[in-house]
Amino acid sequence: MLQYRNLDWSGMAHILGLVTPTYLSTVTYGLIGTGRVELTPRLVTDFAALLGLDARELAG
């Protein structure tokens, strides 16, 4: 989904830091994306806000 918005890990970290109160390192977002770090409900909400989706839809 991020590729459709032309975002890589560093772009996503930058935009999430601007749009949401959450700021994590680029590496952490990469680990989340590859499934090595657990995705928390807060991050689901942040990703949903960034992607323009409802958090419940994204969680499903």
N, C-alpha and C. Protein backbone atom coordinates (compact mmCIF):
# COMPACT_ATOMS: atom_id res chain seq x y z
N MET A 1 0.81 -1.19 0.00
CA MET A 1 0.00 0.00 0.00
C MET A 1 0.86 1.25 0.00
N LEU A 2 1.99 1.19 0.66
CA LEU A 2 2.86 2.36 0.70
C LEU A 2 3.49 2.63 -0.65
N GLN A 3 3.76 1.59 -1.41
CA GLN A 3 4.35 1.76 -2.72
C GLN A 3 3.42 2.53 -3.65
N TYR A 4 2.12 2.35 -3.49
CA TYR A 4 1.15 3.08 -4.32
C TYR A 4 1.17 4.57 -4.03
N ARG A 5 1.69 4.93 -2.87
CA ARG A 5 1.80 6.34 -2.51
C ARG A 5 3.24 6.82 -2.62
N ASN A 6 4.07 6.04 -3.30
CA ASN A 6 5.48 6.36 -3.55
C ASN A 6 6.26 6.62 -2.27
N LEU A 7 6.04 5.79 -1.25
CA LEU A 7 6.75 5.93 0.00
C LEU A 7 7.67 4.73 0.22
N ASP A 8 8.89 5.00 0.62
CA ASP A 8 9.78 3.95 1.08
C ASP A 8 9.84 4.06 2.61
N TRP A 9 10.71 3.28 3.25
CA TRP A 9 10.76 3.28 4.72
C TRP A 9 11.11 4.66 5.27
N SER A 10 12.08 5.33 4.66
CA SER A 10 12.48 6.65 5.19
C SER A 10 11.41 7.70 4.95
N GLY A 11 10.76 7.66 3.80
CA GLY A 11 9.67 8.58 3.53
C GLY A 11 8.51 8.38 4.48
N MET A 12 8.23 7.11 4.76
CA MET A 12 7.15 6.80 5.67
C MET A 12 7.47 7.30 7.08
N ALA A 13 8.71 7.10 7.53
CA ALA A 13 9.11 7.58 8.86
C ALA A 13 8.97 9.10 8.95
N HIS A 14 9.37 9.78 7.91
CA HIS A 14 9.29 11.24 7.90
C HIS A 14 7.84 11.71 7.93
N ILE A 15 7.00 11.16 7.07
CA ILE A 15 5.60 11.57 7.00
C ILE A 15 4.85 11.21 8.28
N LEU A 16 5.08 10.01 8.81
CA LEU A 16 4.40 9.64 10.06
C LEU A 16 4.83 10.56 11.20
N GLY A 17 6.09 10.99 11.20
CA GLY A 17 6.55 11.93 12.21
C GLY A 17 5.87 13.28 12.11
N LEU A 18 5.49 13.67 10.90
CA LEU A 18 4.80 14.95 10.71
C LEU A 18 3.30 14.85 10.96
N VAL A 19 2.69 13.74 10.54
CA VAL A 19 1.23 13.60 10.57
C VAL A 19 0.72 13.09 11.91
N THR A 20 1.49 12.25 12.58
CA THR A 20 1.04 11.61 13.81
C THR A 20 2.01 11.94 14.95
N PRO A 21 1.62 11.67 16.18
CA PRO A 21 2.54 11.91 17.30
C PRO A 21 3.62 10.83 17.44
N THR A 22 3.57 9.81 16.61
CA THR A 22 4.51 8.71 16.69
C THR A 22 5.69 8.96 15.76
N TYR A 23 6.91 8.81 16.29
CA TYR A 23 8.08 8.87 15.44
C TYR A 23 9.00 7.71 15.81
N LEU A 24 9.23 6.84 14.86
CA LEU A 24 10.14 5.72 15.03
C LEU A 24 11.21 5.82 13.95
N SER A 25 12.28 5.08 14.13
CA SER A 25 13.35 5.12 13.14
C SER A 25 12.94 4.38 11.87
N THR A 26 13.63 4.69 10.80
CA THR A 26 13.39 4.03 9.53
C THR A 26 13.57 2.52 9.65
N VAL A 27 14.58 2.11 10.38
CA VAL A 27 14.85 0.68 10.56
C VAL A 27 13.69 0.00 11.27
N THR A 28 13.12 0.66 12.27
CA THR A 28 11.98 0.08 12.99
C THR A 28 10.79 -0.12 12.07
N TYR A 29 10.51 0.86 11.21
CA TYR A 29 9.40 0.69 10.26
C TYR A 29 9.69 -0.44 9.28
N GLY A 30 10.95 -0.59 8.91
CA GLY A 30 11.32 -1.71 8.04
C GLY A 30 11.10 -3.05 8.73
N LEU A 31 11.44 -3.12 10.01
CA LEU A 31 11.23 -4.36 10.77
C LEU A 31 9.74 -4.66 10.94
N ILE A 32 8.95 -3.63 11.14
CA ILE A 32 7.49 -3.82 11.22
C ILE A 32 6.96 -4.33 9.88
N GLY A 33 7.44 -3.73 8.80
CA GLY A 33 6.98 -4.12 7.46
C GLY A 33 7.34 -5.53 7.09
N THR A 34 8.45 -6.03 7.61
CA THR A 34 8.86 -7.41 7.31
C THR A 34 8.34 -8.41 8.33
N GLY A 35 7.62 -7.92 9.34
CA GLY A 35 7.01 -8.82 10.32
C GLY A 35 7.91 -9.22 11.46
N ARG A 36 9.04 -8.57 11.63
CA ARG A 36 9.96 -8.92 12.72
C ARG A 36 9.64 -8.20 14.02
N VAL A 37 8.86 -7.13 13.94
CA VAL A 37 8.44 -6.38 15.12
C VAL A 37 6.92 -6.34 15.12
N GLU A 38 6.34 -6.49 16.32
CA GLU A 38 4.88 -6.53 16.45
C GLU A 38 4.26 -5.18 16.12
N LEU A 39 3.17 -5.22 15.41
CA LEU A 39 2.41 -4.02 15.06
C LEU A 39 1.42 -3.74 16.18
N THR A 40 1.56 -2.60 16.82
CA THR A 40 0.69 -2.24 17.94
C THR A 40 -0.59 -1.55 17.43
N PRO A 41 -1.63 -1.52 18.25
CA PRO A 41 -2.85 -0.82 17.84
C PRO A 41 -2.61 0.66 17.51
N ARG A 42 -1.71 1.29 18.23
CA ARG A 42 -1.39 2.70 17.96
C ARG A 42 -0.80 2.86 16.56
N LEU A 43 0.10 1.95 16.18
CA LEU A 43 0.70 2.03 14.86
C LEU A 43 -0.31 1.73 13.75
N VAL A 44 -1.25 0.83 14.02
CA VAL A 44 -2.31 0.58 13.03
C VAL A 44 -3.10 1.86 12.79
N THR A 45 -3.42 2.57 13.87
CA THR A 45 -4.14 3.84 13.74
C THR A 45 -3.32 4.86 12.96
N ASP A 46 -2.02 4.93 13.24
CA ASP A 46 -1.15 5.87 12.54
C ASP A 46 -1.04 5.52 11.05
N PHE A 47 -0.83 4.26 10.74
CA PHE A 47 -0.75 3.83 9.34
C PHE A 47 -2.07 4.11 8.61
N ALA A 48 -3.19 3.88 9.29
CA ALA A 48 -4.49 4.13 8.67
C ALA A 48 -4.65 5.61 8.35
N ALA A 49 -4.22 6.48 9.26
CA ALA A 49 -4.31 7.92 9.02
C ALA A 49 -3.45 8.31 7.83
N LEU A 50 -2.27 7.73 7.73
CA LEU A 50 -1.37 8.05 6.63
C LEU A 50 -1.92 7.57 5.29
N LEU A 51 -2.52 6.38 5.29
CA LEU A 51 -3.02 5.79 4.05
C LEU A 51 -4.43 6.24 3.69
N GLY A 52 -5.09 6.96 4.60
CA GLY A 52 -6.44 7.42 4.32
C GLY A 52 -7.48 6.32 4.42
N LEU A 53 -7.25 5.38 5.32
CA LEU A 53 -8.17 4.26 5.52
C LEU A 53 -8.73 4.27 6.91
N ASP A 54 -9.81 3.56 7.10
CA ASP A 54 -10.35 3.36 8.44
C ASP A 54 -9.46 2.34 9.16
N ALA A 55 -9.13 2.62 10.42
CA ALA A 55 -8.24 1.73 11.17
C ALA A 55 -8.81 0.32 11.31
N ARG A 56 -10.14 0.20 11.43
CA ARG A 56 -10.74 -1.13 11.54
C ARG A 56 -10.56 -1.93 10.27
N GLU A 57 -10.66 -1.26 9.12
CA GLU A 57 -10.45 -1.95 7.83
C GLU A 57 -9.01 -2.40 7.69
N LEU A 58 -8.08 -1.53 8.08
CA LEU A 58 -6.67 -1.87 7.96
C LEU A 58 -6.30 -3.00 8.91
N ALA A 59 -6.88 -3.01 10.11
CA ALA A 59 -6.59 -4.06 11.08
C ALA A 59 -7.11 -5.42 10.61
N GLY A 60 -8.19 -5.38 9.85
CA GLY A 60 -8.79 -6.63 9.36
C GLY A 60 -7.97 -7.24 8.30
